[in-house]
Amino acid sequence: MYEFFVDAKEGVLYLVLELLKGGELLDAVCVNGSYSEADAKHIMRQLFSAVAYLHRKNICHRDLKLDNLLLPSEDDHTTIKLIDFGLSLRTTEEDLSTLCGTPVYVAPELAQAVLTARRRRKQGLAPLTYTKAVDMWACGVIMYLLLSGDVPFEGEDEMAMFRAVCSDPLKFHGADWRNVSKDAKEAIKFMLTRDPSARPTAEQVLQHPYFTEHDDSTATAKLKNTASNLRALLARKRLKKATHAVAAISRMSTLRKASLSARSEANSKAEAEDEHDAAVQEVLNAASAAAAT
């Protein structure tokens, strides 16, 4: 953010934000077609630096995901900017309890809070809490995605995914991981630690051997499977957006028809009431005239 202005009269706050011409990182990776582990490593270093800064300021982002990584320029596909602080919260020593985030990136302690929320509410118990460590789990999921093009845990629906996050083993099998280094996998395991108290901070991850070693000569192999998987992920994301848009339009159309129907019914009722009032007035006038004569 460059500047902000307050219009006290109108009660409006104006924000002057940086224009990010490069669009989403995911789009750029899919369009560029040339993508390596070294690129992913460079991107993750920046993300960890941003998260470390936030956490030093006691700010928990709570919605870290690929969609929130944008590029400032169309010519640079590896310099990122972190956006969307709508769910962010300044924390104190107290833990957080609001259930939020994007299911794919949700940490086990937050998933467990969602799974037990209804039961605990019925029992009169407070919801389970979590800390800034949820951001580090989300970073691990992002790194997993950037290196394989796939998600570490899956489920048929949100609840099934939450259960998988809490209990399914982390796997690095198949062709997607063939050209990914052992150190990268170890770094991901480091972040995807289910015990939040044992999960590393962003600053600790930056001190992990994988990130302190700047020789990326062994990580320049192109991740063709990953790029292909990310394109499929992007296609699913666009289809989901289109589906949501169609559903929204359908809901708007239904609401409009209901509004028109209600308005038509109200108009008909008003016309009937007017006719009734006119008829009553005619009778009263006639009675008044008869009484006068």
C-alpha atoms as a PDB file:
ATOM      1  CA  MET A   1       0.000   0.000   0.000  1.00  0.00           C
ATOM      2  CA  TYR A   2       1.375   3.419  -1.006  1.00  0.00           C
ATOM      3  CA  GLU A   3      -1.128   5.752   0.609  1.00  0.00           C
ATOM      4  CA  PHE A   4      -4.613   6.053   2.039  1.00  0.00           C
ATOM      5  CA  PHE A   5      -7.210   8.803   2.201  1.00  0.00           C
ATOM      6  CA  VAL A   6     -10.220   9.226   4.441  1.00  0.00           C
ATOM      7  CA  ASP A   7     -13.359  10.976   3.267  1.00  0.00           C
ATOM      8  CA  ALA A   8     -14.858  11.842   6.664  1.00  0.00           C
ATOM      9  CA  LYS A   9     -17.954  13.366   5.103  1.00  0.00           C
ATOM     10  CA  GLU A  10     -18.843  10.243   3.141  1.00  0.00           C
ATOM     11  CA  GLY A  11     -17.331   7.842   5.675  1.00  0.00           C
ATOM     12  CA  VAL A  12     -15.151   6.200   3.006  1.00  0.00           C
ATOM     13  CA  LEU A  13     -11.544   4.987   3.219  1.00  0.00           C
ATOM     14  CA  TYR A  14      -9.547   4.995  -0.058  1.00  0.00           C
ATOM     15  CA  LEU A  15      -6.456   2.783  -0.400  1.00  0.00           C
ATOM     16  CA  VAL A  16      -3.759   3.408  -3.003  1.00  0.00           C
ATOM     17  CA  LEU A  17      -2.277  -0.010  -3.783  1.00  0.00           C
ATOM     18  CA  GLU A  18       0.563  -1.215  -5.982  1.00  0.00           C
ATOM     19  CA  LEU A  19      -0.516  -2.265  -9.477  1.00  0.00           C
ATOM     20  CA  LEU A  20       0.557  -5.880 -10.016  1.00  0.00           C
ATOM     21  CA  LYS A  21       0.598  -6.317 -13.780  1.00  0.00           C
ATOM     22  CA  GLY A  22       1.878  -9.896 -13.784  1.00  0.00           C
ATOM     23  CA  GLY A  23      -1.324 -11.489 -12.529  1.00  0.00           C
ATOM     24  CA  GLU A  24      -1.396 -14.732 -10.529  1.00  0.00           C
ATOM     25  CA  LEU A  25       1.740 -16.855 -10.135  1.00  0.00           C
ATOM     26  CA  LEU A  26      -0.193 -19.995 -11.083  1.00  0.00           C
ATOM     27  CA  ASP A  27      -1.269 -18.467 -14.410  1.00  0.00           C
ATOM     28  CA  ALA A  28       2.299 -17.420 -15.222  1.00  0.00           C
ATOM     29  CA  VAL A  29       3.762 -20.849 -14.452  1.00  0.00           C
ATOM     30  CA  CYS A  30       1.166 -22.515 -16.676  1.00  0.00           C
ATOM     31  CA  VAL A  31       1.684 -20.086 -19.560  1.00  0.00           C
ATOM     32  CA  ASN A  32       5.472 -19.970 -19.340  1.00  0.00           C
ATOM     33  CA  GLY A  33       5.846 -23.746 -19.624  1.00  0.00           C
ATOM     34  CA  SER A  34       9.479 -23.650 -18.444  1.00  0.00           C
ATOM     35  CA  TYR A  35       9.588 -24.391 -14.733  1.00  0.00           C
ATOM     36  CA  SER A  36      12.179 -25.920 -12.410  1.00  0.00           C
ATOM     37  CA  GLU A  37      12.786 -26.734  -8.757  1.00  0.00           C
ATOM     38  CA  ALA A  38      15.151 -23.755  -8.593  1.00  0.00           C
ATOM     39  CA  ASP A  39      12.244 -21.490  -9.592  1.00  0.00           C
ATOM     40  CA  ALA A  40      10.035 -22.990  -6.853  1.00  0.00           C
ATOM     41  CA  LYS A  41      12.850 -22.599  -4.330  1.00  0.00           C
ATOM     42  CA  HIS A  42      13.279 -18.903  -5.203  1.00  0.00           C
ATOM     43  CA  ILE A  43       9.525 -18.341  -4.856  1.00  0.00           C
ATOM     44  CA  MET A  44       9.353 -20.111  -1.494  1.00  0.00           C
ATOM     45  CA  ARG A  45      12.275 -18.119  -0.085  1.00  0.00           C
ATOM     46  CA  GLN A  46      10.315 -14.944  -0.762  1.00  0.00           C
ATOM     47  CA  LEU A  47       7.142 -16.369   0.766  1.00  0.00           C
ATOM     48  CA  PHE A  48       8.949 -17.417   3.946  1.00  0.00           C
ATOM     49  CA  SER A  49      10.534 -13.974   4.209  1.00  0.00           C
ATOM     50  CA  ALA A  50       7.075 -12.377   3.944  1.00  0.00           C
ATOM     51  CA  VAL A  51       5.552 -14.739   6.517  1.00  0.00           C
ATOM     52  CA  ALA A  52       8.498 -14.229   8.879  1.00  0.00           C
ATOM     53  CA  TYR A  53       7.919 -10.470   8.678  1.00  0.00           C
ATOM     54  CA  LEU A  54       4.190 -10.866   9.402  1.00  0.00           C
ATOM     55  CA  HIS A  55       4.797 -13.174  12.338  1.00  0.00           C
ATOM     56  CA  ARG A  56       7.375 -10.809  13.836  1.00  0.00           C
ATOM     57  CA  LYS A  57       4.587  -8.222  13.774  1.00  0.00           C
ATOM     58  CA  ASN A  58       2.257 -10.790  15.422  1.00  0.00           C
ATOM     59  CA  ILE A  59       0.079 -11.000  12.318  1.00  0.00           C
ATOM     60  CA  CYS A  60      -1.370 -14.341  11.229  1.00  0.00           C
ATOM     61  CA  HIS A  61      -2.381 -14.331   7.543  1.00  0.00           C
ATOM     62  CA  ARG A  62      -4.777 -17.334   7.827  1.00  0.00           C
ATOM     63  CA  ASP A  63      -5.395 -17.685   4.086  1.00  0.00           C
ATOM     64  CA  LEU A  64      -2.041 -18.417   2.479  1.00  0.00           C
ATOM     65  CA  LYS A  65      -2.534 -20.134  -0.887  1.00  0.00           C
ATOM     66  CA  LEU A  66      -1.275 -20.086  -4.473  1.00  0.00           C
ATOM     67  CA  ASP A  67      -4.129 -17.789  -5.506  1.00  0.00           C
ATOM     68  CA  ASN A  68      -2.742 -15.092  -3.204  1.00  0.00           C
ATOM     69  CA  LEU A  69       0.703 -14.980  -4.796  1.00  0.00           C
ATOM     70  CA  LEU A  70       0.815 -12.346  -7.555  1.00  0.00           C
ATOM     71  CA  LEU A  71       3.547 -11.077  -9.854  1.00  0.00           C
ATOM     72  CA  PRO A  72       4.431  -7.376 -10.110  1.00  0.00           C
ATOM     73  CA  SER A  73       5.598  -7.705 -13.726  1.00  0.00           C
ATOM     74  CA  GLU A  74       4.641  -9.718 -16.801  1.00  0.00           C
ATOM     75  CA  ASP A  75       8.348 -10.198 -17.577  1.00  0.00           C
ATOM     76  CA  ASP A  76       9.339 -11.709 -14.212  1.00  0.00           C
ATOM     77  CA  HIS A  77       7.688 -15.004 -13.318  1.00  0.00           C
ATOM     78  CA  THR A  78       9.494 -15.665 -10.023  1.00  0.00           C
ATOM     79  CA  THR A  79       9.257 -12.425  -8.024  1.00  0.00           C
ATOM     80  CA  ILE A  80       6.102 -12.587  -5.943  1.00  0.00           C
ATOM     81  CA  LYS A  81       3.856 -10.366  -3.858  1.00  0.00           C
ATOM     82  CA  LEU A  82       1.627 -11.720  -1.083  1.00  0.00           C
ATOM     83  CA  ILE A  83      -1.938 -10.342  -1.112  1.00  0.00           C
ATOM     84  CA  ASP A  84      -5.396 -10.728   0.458  1.00  0.00           C
ATOM     85  CA  PHE A  85      -5.209  -9.903   4.141  1.00  0.00           C
ATOM     86  CA  GLY A  86      -8.988 -10.071   4.572  1.00  0.00           C
ATOM     87  CA  LEU A  87      -8.742 -12.906   7.117  1.00  0.00           C
ATOM     88  CA  SER A  88      -5.516 -11.718   8.716  1.00  0.00           C
ATOM     89  CA  LEU A  89      -5.512 -10.999  12.412  1.00  0.00           C
ATOM     90  CA  ARG A  90      -3.084  -9.388  14.819  1.00  0.00           C
ATOM     91  CA  THR A  91      -2.462 -11.962  17.514  1.00  0.00           C
ATOM     92  CA  THR A  92      -1.429 -11.719  21.146  1.00  0.00           C
ATOM     93  CA  GLU A  93      -0.454 -14.478  23.514  1.00  0.00           C
ATOM     94  CA  GLU A  94      -3.993 -15.836  23.181  1.00  0.00           C
ATOM     95  CA  ASP A  95      -4.688 -18.510  20.593  1.00  0.00           C
ATOM     96  CA  LEU A  96      -7.057 -17.998  17.661  1.00  0.00           C
ATOM     97  CA  SER A  97     -10.427 -19.723  17.386  1.00  0.00           C
ATOM     98  CA  THR A  98     -12.248 -18.384  14.294  1.00  0.00           C
ATOM     99  CA  LEU A  99     -12.731 -21.158  11.729  1.00  0.00           C
ATOM    100  CA  CYS A 100     -11.487 -19.842   8.393  1.00  0.00           C
ATOM    101  CA  GLY A 101      -9.145 -20.501   5.468  1.00  0.00           C
ATOM    102  CA  THR A 102      -9.199 -22.555   2.268  1.00  0.00           C
ATOM    103  CA  PRO A 103      -9.717 -26.321   2.869  1.00  0.00           C
ATOM    104  CA  VAL A 104      -6.743 -27.552   0.795  1.00  0.00           C
ATOM    105  CA  TYR A 105      -4.351 -25.409   2.855  1.00  0.00           C
ATOM    106  CA  VAL A 106      -5.919 -25.871   6.308  1.00  0.00           C
ATOM    107  CA  ALA A 107      -3.628 -27.159   9.073  1.00  0.00           C
ATOM    108  CA  PRO A 108      -4.576 -30.265  11.131  1.00  0.00           C
ATOM    109  CA  GLU A 109      -5.355 -28.279  14.300  1.00  0.00           C
ATOM    110  CA  LEU A 110      -7.746 -26.051  12.337  1.00  0.00           C
ATOM    111  CA  ALA A 111      -9.236 -29.057  10.508  1.00  0.00           C
ATOM    112  CA  GLN A 112      -9.787 -30.751  13.869  1.00  0.00           C
ATOM    113  CA  ALA A 113     -11.497 -27.598  15.160  1.00  0.00           C
ATOM    114  CA  VAL A 114     -13.895 -27.735  12.190  1.00  0.00           C
ATOM    115  CA  LEU A 115     -14.571 -31.470  12.610  1.00  0.00           C
ATOM    116  CA  THR A 116     -15.367 -31.116  16.312  1.00  0.00           C
ATOM    117  CA  ALA A 117     -17.107 -27.715  16.254  1.00  0.00           C
ATOM    118  CA  ARG A 118     -20.702 -29.002  16.257  1.00  0.00           C
ATOM    119  CA  ARG A 119     -20.103 -31.611  18.958  1.00  0.00           C
ATOM    120  CA  ARG A 120     -18.266 -29.160  21.201  1.00  0.00           C
ATOM    121  CA  ARG A 121     -20.998 -26.572  20.727  1.00  0.00           C
ATOM    122  CA  LYS A 122     -23.654 -29.084  21.802  1.00  0.00           C
ATOM    123  CA  GLN A 123     -21.558 -29.971  24.852  1.00  0.00           C
ATOM    124  CA  GLY A 124     -21.174 -26.318  25.758  1.00  0.00           C
ATOM    125  CA  LEU A 125     -17.420 -26.433  25.172  1.00  0.00           C
ATOM    126  CA  ALA A 126     -15.331 -23.667  23.636  1.00  0.00           C
ATOM    127  CA  PRO A 127     -13.990 -24.368  20.113  1.00  0.00           C
ATOM    128  CA  LEU A 128     -10.468 -25.703  19.688  1.00  0.00           C
ATOM    129  CA  THR A 129      -7.859 -23.018  19.147  1.00  0.00           C
ATOM    130  CA  TYR A 130      -4.806 -22.586  16.933  1.00  0.00           C
ATOM    131  CA  THR A 131      -1.770 -20.323  16.505  1.00  0.00           C
ATOM    132  CA  LYS A 132       0.303 -18.654  13.785  1.00  0.00           C
ATOM    133  CA  ALA A 133       1.690 -22.124  13.038  1.00  0.00           C
ATOM    134  CA  VAL A 134      -1.273 -22.641  10.659  1.00  0.00           C
ATOM    135  CA  ASP A 135       0.489 -20.283   8.227  1.00  0.00           C
ATOM    136  CA  MET A 136       3.537 -22.553   8.142  1.00  0.00           C
ATOM    137  CA  TRP A 137       1.410 -25.602   7.312  1.00  0.00           C
ATOM    138  CA  ALA A 138      -0.129 -23.639   4.428  1.00  0.00           C
ATOM    139  CA  CYS A 139       3.393 -22.767   3.216  1.00  0.00           C
ATOM    140  CA  GLY A 140       4.217 -26.474   3.197  1.00  0.00           C
ATOM    141  CA  VAL A 141       1.147 -27.185   1.062  1.00  0.00           C
ATOM    142  CA  ILE A 142       2.105 -24.381  -1.339  1.00  0.00           C
ATOM    143  CA  MET A 143       5.631 -25.801  -1.694  1.00  0.00           C
ATOM    144  CA  TYR A 144       4.207 -29.293  -2.240  1.00  0.00           C
ATOM    145  CA  LEU A 145       1.966 -27.886  -4.987  1.00  0.00           C
ATOM    146  CA  LEU A 146       4.758 -25.912  -6.645  1.00  0.00           C
ATOM    147  CA  LEU A 147       6.982 -29.002  -6.846  1.00  0.00           C
ATOM    148  CA  SER A 148       4.388 -31.604  -7.853  1.00  0.00           C
ATOM    149  CA  GLY A 149       1.347 -29.732  -9.143  1.00  0.00           C
ATOM    150  CA  ASP A 150      -0.805 -31.770  -6.783  1.00  0.00           C
ATOM    151  CA  VAL A 151      -2.154 -31.443  -3.236  1.00  0.00           C
ATOM    152  CA  PRO A 152      -0.696 -33.506  -0.357  1.00  0.00           C
ATOM    153  CA  PHE A 153      -4.104 -34.589   0.991  1.00  0.00           C
ATOM    154  CA  GLU A 154      -7.403 -35.202  -0.779  1.00  0.00           C
ATOM    155  CA  GLY A 155     -11.015 -35.989   0.035  1.00  0.00           C
ATOM    156  CA  GLU A 156     -14.331 -36.311  -1.772  1.00  0.00           C
ATOM    157  CA  ASP A 157     -15.662 -33.324   0.138  1.00  0.00           C
ATOM    158  CA  GLU A 158     -14.398 -30.778   2.655  1.00  0.00           C
ATOM    159  CA  MET A 159     -15.006 -32.961   5.714  1.00  0.00           C
ATOM    160  CA  ALA A 160     -13.231 -35.917   4.088  1.00  0.00           C
ATOM    161  CA  MET A 161     -10.317 -33.649   3.233  1.00  0.00           C
ATOM    162  CA  PHE A 162     -10.132 -32.389   6.821  1.00  0.00           C
ATOM    163  CA  ARG A 163     -10.004 -35.985   8.060  1.00  0.00           C
ATOM    164  CA  ALA A 164      -7.247 -36.779   5.546  1.00  0.00           C
ATOM    165  CA  VAL A 165      -5.252 -33.745   6.701  1.00  0.00           C
ATOM    166  CA  CYS A 166      -5.501 -35.020  10.283  1.00  0.00           C
ATOM    167  CA  SER A 167      -4.561 -38.646   9.654  1.00  0.00           C
ATOM    168  CA  ASP A 168      -3.387 -39.609   6.142  1.00  0.00           C
ATOM    169  CA  PRO A 169       0.355 -40.180   5.595  1.00  0.00           C
ATOM    170  CA  LEU A 170       2.357 -37.655   3.571  1.00  0.00           C
ATOM    171  CA  LYS A 171       3.551 -39.247   0.313  1.00  0.00           C
ATOM    172  CA  PHE A 172       6.098 -38.331  -2.359  1.00  0.00           C
ATOM    173  CA  HIS A 173       5.429 -41.141  -4.810  1.00  0.00           C
ATOM    174  CA  GLY A 174       5.147 -41.260  -8.586  1.00  0.00           C
ATOM    175  CA  ALA A 175       6.645 -39.462 -11.558  1.00  0.00           C
ATOM    176  CA  ASP A 176       5.712 -36.058 -10.136  1.00  0.00           C
ATOM    177  CA  TRP A 177       8.545 -36.329  -7.594  1.00  0.00           C
ATOM    178  CA  ARG A 178      11.162 -38.064  -9.737  1.00  0.00           C
ATOM    179  CA  ASN A 179      13.125 -34.867 -10.484  1.00  0.00           C
ATOM    180  CA  VAL A 180      12.627 -33.246  -7.074  1.00  0.00           C
ATOM    181  CA  SER A 181      15.559 -33.291  -4.651  1.00  0.00           C
ATOM    182  CA  LYS A 182      15.568 -35.170  -1.354  1.00  0.00           C
ATOM    183  CA  ASP A 183      16.326 -31.920   0.500  1.00  0.00           C
ATOM    184  CA  ALA A 184      13.165 -30.319  -0.918  1.00  0.00           C
ATOM    185  CA  LYS A 185      11.065 -33.232   0.312  1.00  0.00           C
ATOM    186  CA  GLU A 186      12.674 -32.986   3.751  1.00  0.00           C
ATOM    187  CA  ALA A 187      11.861 -29.269   3.893  1.00  0.00           C
ATOM    188  CA  ILE A 188       8.208 -30.023   3.083  1.00  0.00           C
ATOM    189  CA  LYS A 189       8.075 -32.736   5.780  1.00  0.00           C
ATOM    190  CA  PHE A 190       9.552 -30.176   8.179  1.00  0.00           C
ATOM    191  CA  MET A 191       6.620 -27.824   7.562  1.00  0.00           C
ATOM    192  CA  LEU A 192       3.870 -30.452   7.327  1.00  0.00           C
ATOM    193  CA  THR A 193       4.418 -31.539  10.920  1.00  0.00           C
ATOM    194  CA  ARG A 194       1.040 -32.273  12.487  1.00  0.00           C
ATOM    195  CA  ASP A 195       2.073 -31.130  15.951  1.00  0.00           C
ATOM    196  CA  PRO A 196       1.922 -27.305  15.739  1.00  0.00           C
ATOM    197  CA  SER A 197       4.321 -26.918  18.655  1.00  0.00           C
ATOM    198  CA  ALA A 198       6.931 -28.900  16.702  1.00  0.00           C
ATOM    199  CA  ARG A 199       6.267 -27.133  13.402  1.00  0.00           C
ATOM    200  CA  PRO A 200       9.059 -24.722  12.402  1.00  0.00           C
ATOM    201  CA  THR A 201       8.705 -20.967  12.165  1.00  0.00           C
ATOM    202  CA  ALA A 202       9.318 -19.166   8.882  1.00  0.00           C
ATOM    203  CA  GLU A 203      12.718 -17.980  10.147  1.00  0.00           C
ATOM    204  CA  GLN A 204      13.682 -21.542  11.088  1.00  0.00           C
ATOM    205  CA  VAL A 205      12.715 -22.785   7.625  1.00  0.00           C
ATOM    206  CA  LEU A 206      14.896 -20.117   6.031  1.00  0.00           C
ATOM    207  CA  GLN A 207      17.784 -21.607   8.046  1.00  0.00           C
ATOM    208  CA  HIS A 208      17.027 -25.118   6.767  1.00  0.00           C
ATOM    209  CA  PRO A 209      19.951 -26.489   4.680  1.00  0.00           C
ATOM    210  CA  TYR A 210      17.729 -26.571   1.600  1.00  0.00           C
ATOM    211  CA  PHE A 211      17.303 -22.794   1.687  1.00  0.00           C
ATOM    212  CA  THR A 212      20.726 -21.795   2.995  1.00  0.00           C
ATOM    213  CA  GLU A 213      22.397 -23.599   0.097  1.00  0.00           C
ATOM    214  CA  HIS A 214      22.340 -21.192  -2.842  1.00  0.00           C
ATOM    215  CA  ASP A 215      23.810 -23.585  -5.408  1.00  0.00           C
ATOM    216  CA  ASP A 216      20.756 -24.514  -7.478  1.00  0.00           C
ATOM    217  CA  SER A 217      22.716 -26.158 -10.283  1.00  0.00           C
ATOM    218  CA  THR A 218      21.285 -29.579  -9.398  1.00  0.00           C
ATOM    219  CA  ALA A 219      17.711 -28.261  -9.350  1.00  0.00           C
ATOM    220  CA  THR A 220      17.460 -26.868 -12.870  1.00  0.00           C
ATOM    221  CA  ALA A 221      15.741 -29.888 -14.425  1.00  0.00           C
ATOM    222  CA  LYS A 222      12.401 -28.904 -15.877  1.00  0.00           C
ATOM    223  CA  LEU A 223       9.429 -30.211 -13.903  1.00  0.00           C
ATOM    224  CA  LYS A 224       7.300 -31.158 -16.898  1.00  0.00           C
ATOM    225  CA  ASN A 225       4.823 -33.264 -14.933  1.00  0.00           C
ATOM    226  CA  THR A 226       4.435 -30.478 -12.383  1.00  0.00           C
ATOM    227  CA  ALA A 227       3.723 -27.863 -15.064  1.00  0.00           C
ATOM    228  CA  SER A 228       1.165 -30.211 -16.632  1.00  0.00           C
ATOM    229  CA  ASN A 229      -0.488 -30.886 -13.260  1.00  0.00           C
ATOM    230  CA  LEU A 230      -0.618 -27.154 -12.485  1.00  0.00           C
ATOM    231  CA  ARG A 231      -2.320 -26.499 -15.822  1.00  0.00           C
ATOM    232  CA  ALA A 232      -4.930 -29.118 -14.911  1.00  0.00           C
ATOM    233  CA  LEU A 233      -5.296 -27.453 -11.498  1.00  0.00           C
ATOM    234  CA  LEU A 234      -5.795 -24.077 -13.166  1.00  0.00           C
ATOM    235  CA  ALA A 235      -8.418 -25.556 -15.509  1.00  0.00           C
ATOM    236  CA  ARG A 236     -10.329 -27.009 -12.523  1.00  0.00           C
ATOM    237  CA  LYS A 237     -10.085 -23.677 -10.729  1.00  0.00           C
ATOM    238  CA  ARG A 238     -11.507 -21.816 -13.730  1.00  0.00           C
ATOM    239  CA  LEU A 239     -14.283 -24.386 -14.128  1.00  0.00           C
ATOM    240  CA  LYS A 240     -15.147 -23.968 -10.444  1.00  0.00           C
ATOM    241  CA  LYS A 241     -15.263 -20.183 -10.845  1.00  0.00           C
ATOM    242  CA  ALA A 242     -17.489 -20.529 -13.909  1.00  0.00           C
ATOM    243  CA  THR A 243     -19.777 -22.943 -12.034  1.00  0.00           C
ATOM    244  CA  HIS A 244     -20.032 -20.529  -9.119  1.00  0.00           C
ATOM    245  CA  ALA A 245     -20.757 -17.676 -11.529  1.00  0.00           C
ATOM    246  CA  VAL A 246     -23.558 -19.649 -13.216  1.00  0.00           C
ATOM    247  CA  ALA A 247     -24.979 -20.552  -9.794  1.00  0.00           C
ATOM    248  CA  ALA A 248     -24.832 -16.906  -8.727  1.00  0.00           C
ATOM    249  CA  ILE A 249     -26.578 -15.787 -11.907  1.00  0.00           C
ATOM    250  CA  SER A 250     -29.219 -18.479 -11.385  1.00  0.00           C
ATOM    251  CA  ARG A 251     -29.785 -17.325  -7.795  1.00  0.00           C
ATOM    252  CA  MET A 252     -30.041 -13.706  -8.943  1.00  0.00           C
ATOM    253  CA  SER A 253     -32.549 -14.693 -11.634  1.00  0.00           C
ATOM    254  CA  THR A 254     -34.640 -16.622  -9.099  1.00  0.00           C
ATOM    255  CA  LEU A 255     -34.581 -13.696  -6.671  1.00  0.00           C
ATOM    256  CA  ARG A 256     -35.554 -11.284  -9.464  1.00  0.00           C
ATOM    257  CA  LYS A 257     -38.507 -13.456 -10.507  1.00  0.00           C
ATOM    258  CA  ALA A 258     -39.616 -13.751  -6.892  1.00  0.00           C
ATOM    259  CA  SER A 259     -39.313  -9.991  -6.484  1.00  0.00           C
ATOM    260  CA  LEU A 260     -41.324  -9.343  -9.649  1.00  0.00           C
ATOM    261  CA  SER A 261     -43.930 -11.894  -8.579  1.00  0.00           C
ATOM    262  CA  ALA A 262     -44.206 -10.324  -5.127  1.00  0.00           C
ATOM    263  CA  ARG A 263     -44.436  -6.874  -6.692  1.00  0.00           C
ATOM    264  CA  SER A 264     -47.134  -8.034  -9.125  1.00  0.00           C
ATOM    265  CA  GLU A 265     -49.060  -9.662  -6.283  1.00  0.00           C
ATOM    266  CA  ALA A 266     -48.698  -6.520  -4.184  1.00  0.00           C
ATOM    267  CA  ASN A 267     -49.895  -4.369  -7.081  1.00  0.00           C
ATOM    268  CA  SER A 268     -52.913  -6.629  -7.657  1.00  0.00           C
ATOM    269  CA  LYS A 269     -53.751  -6.522  -3.958  1.00  0.00           C
ATOM    270  CA  ALA A 270     -53.417  -2.738  -3.902  1.00  0.00           C
ATOM    271  CA  GLU A 271     -55.701  -2.417  -6.960  1.00  0.00           C
ATOM    272  CA  ALA A 272     -58.317  -4.661  -5.301  1.00  0.00           C
ATOM    273  CA  GLU A 273     -58.134  -2.607  -2.104  1.00  0.00           C
ATOM    274  CA  ASP A 274     -58.553   0.608  -4.128  1.00  0.00           C
ATOM    275  CA  GLU A 275     -61.611  -0.839  -5.895  1.00  0.00           C
ATOM    276  CA  HIS A 276     -63.084  -1.917  -2.530  1.00  0.00           C
ATOM    277  CA  ASP A 277     -62.468   1.522  -1.018  1.00  0.00           C
ATOM    278  CA  ALA A 278     -64.079   3.188  -4.044  1.00  0.00           C
ATOM    279  CA  ALA A 279     -67.128   0.933  -3.772  1.00  0.00           C
ATOM    280  CA  VAL A 280     -67.476   1.663  -0.049  1.00  0.00           C
ATOM    281  CA  GLN A 281     -67.145   5.392  -0.735  1.00  0.00           C
ATOM    282  CA  GLU A 282     -69.902   5.192  -3.372  1.00  0.00           C
ATOM    283  CA  VAL A 283     -72.233   3.505  -0.872  1.00  0.00           C
ATOM    284  CA  LEU A 284     -71.435   6.132   1.761  1.00  0.00           C
ATOM    285  CA  ASN A 285     -72.013   8.936  -0.726  1.00  0.00           C
ATOM    286  CA  ALA A 286     -75.319   7.439  -1.785  1.00  0.00           C
ATOM    287  CA  ALA A 287     -76.393   7.010   1.858  1.00  0.00           C
ATOM    288  CA  SER A 288     -75.347  10.577   2.618  1.00  0.00           C
ATOM    289  CA  ALA A 289     -77.311  11.891  -0.389  1.00  0.00           C
ATOM    290  CA  ALA A 290     -80.365   9.875   0.592  1.00  0.00           C
ATOM    291  CA  ALA A 291     -80.177  11.210   4.160  1.00  0.00           C
ATOM    292  CA  ALA A 292     -79.933  14.772   2.863  1.00  0.00           C
ATOM    293  CA  THR A 293     -83.101  14.405   0.837  1.00  0.00           C
END
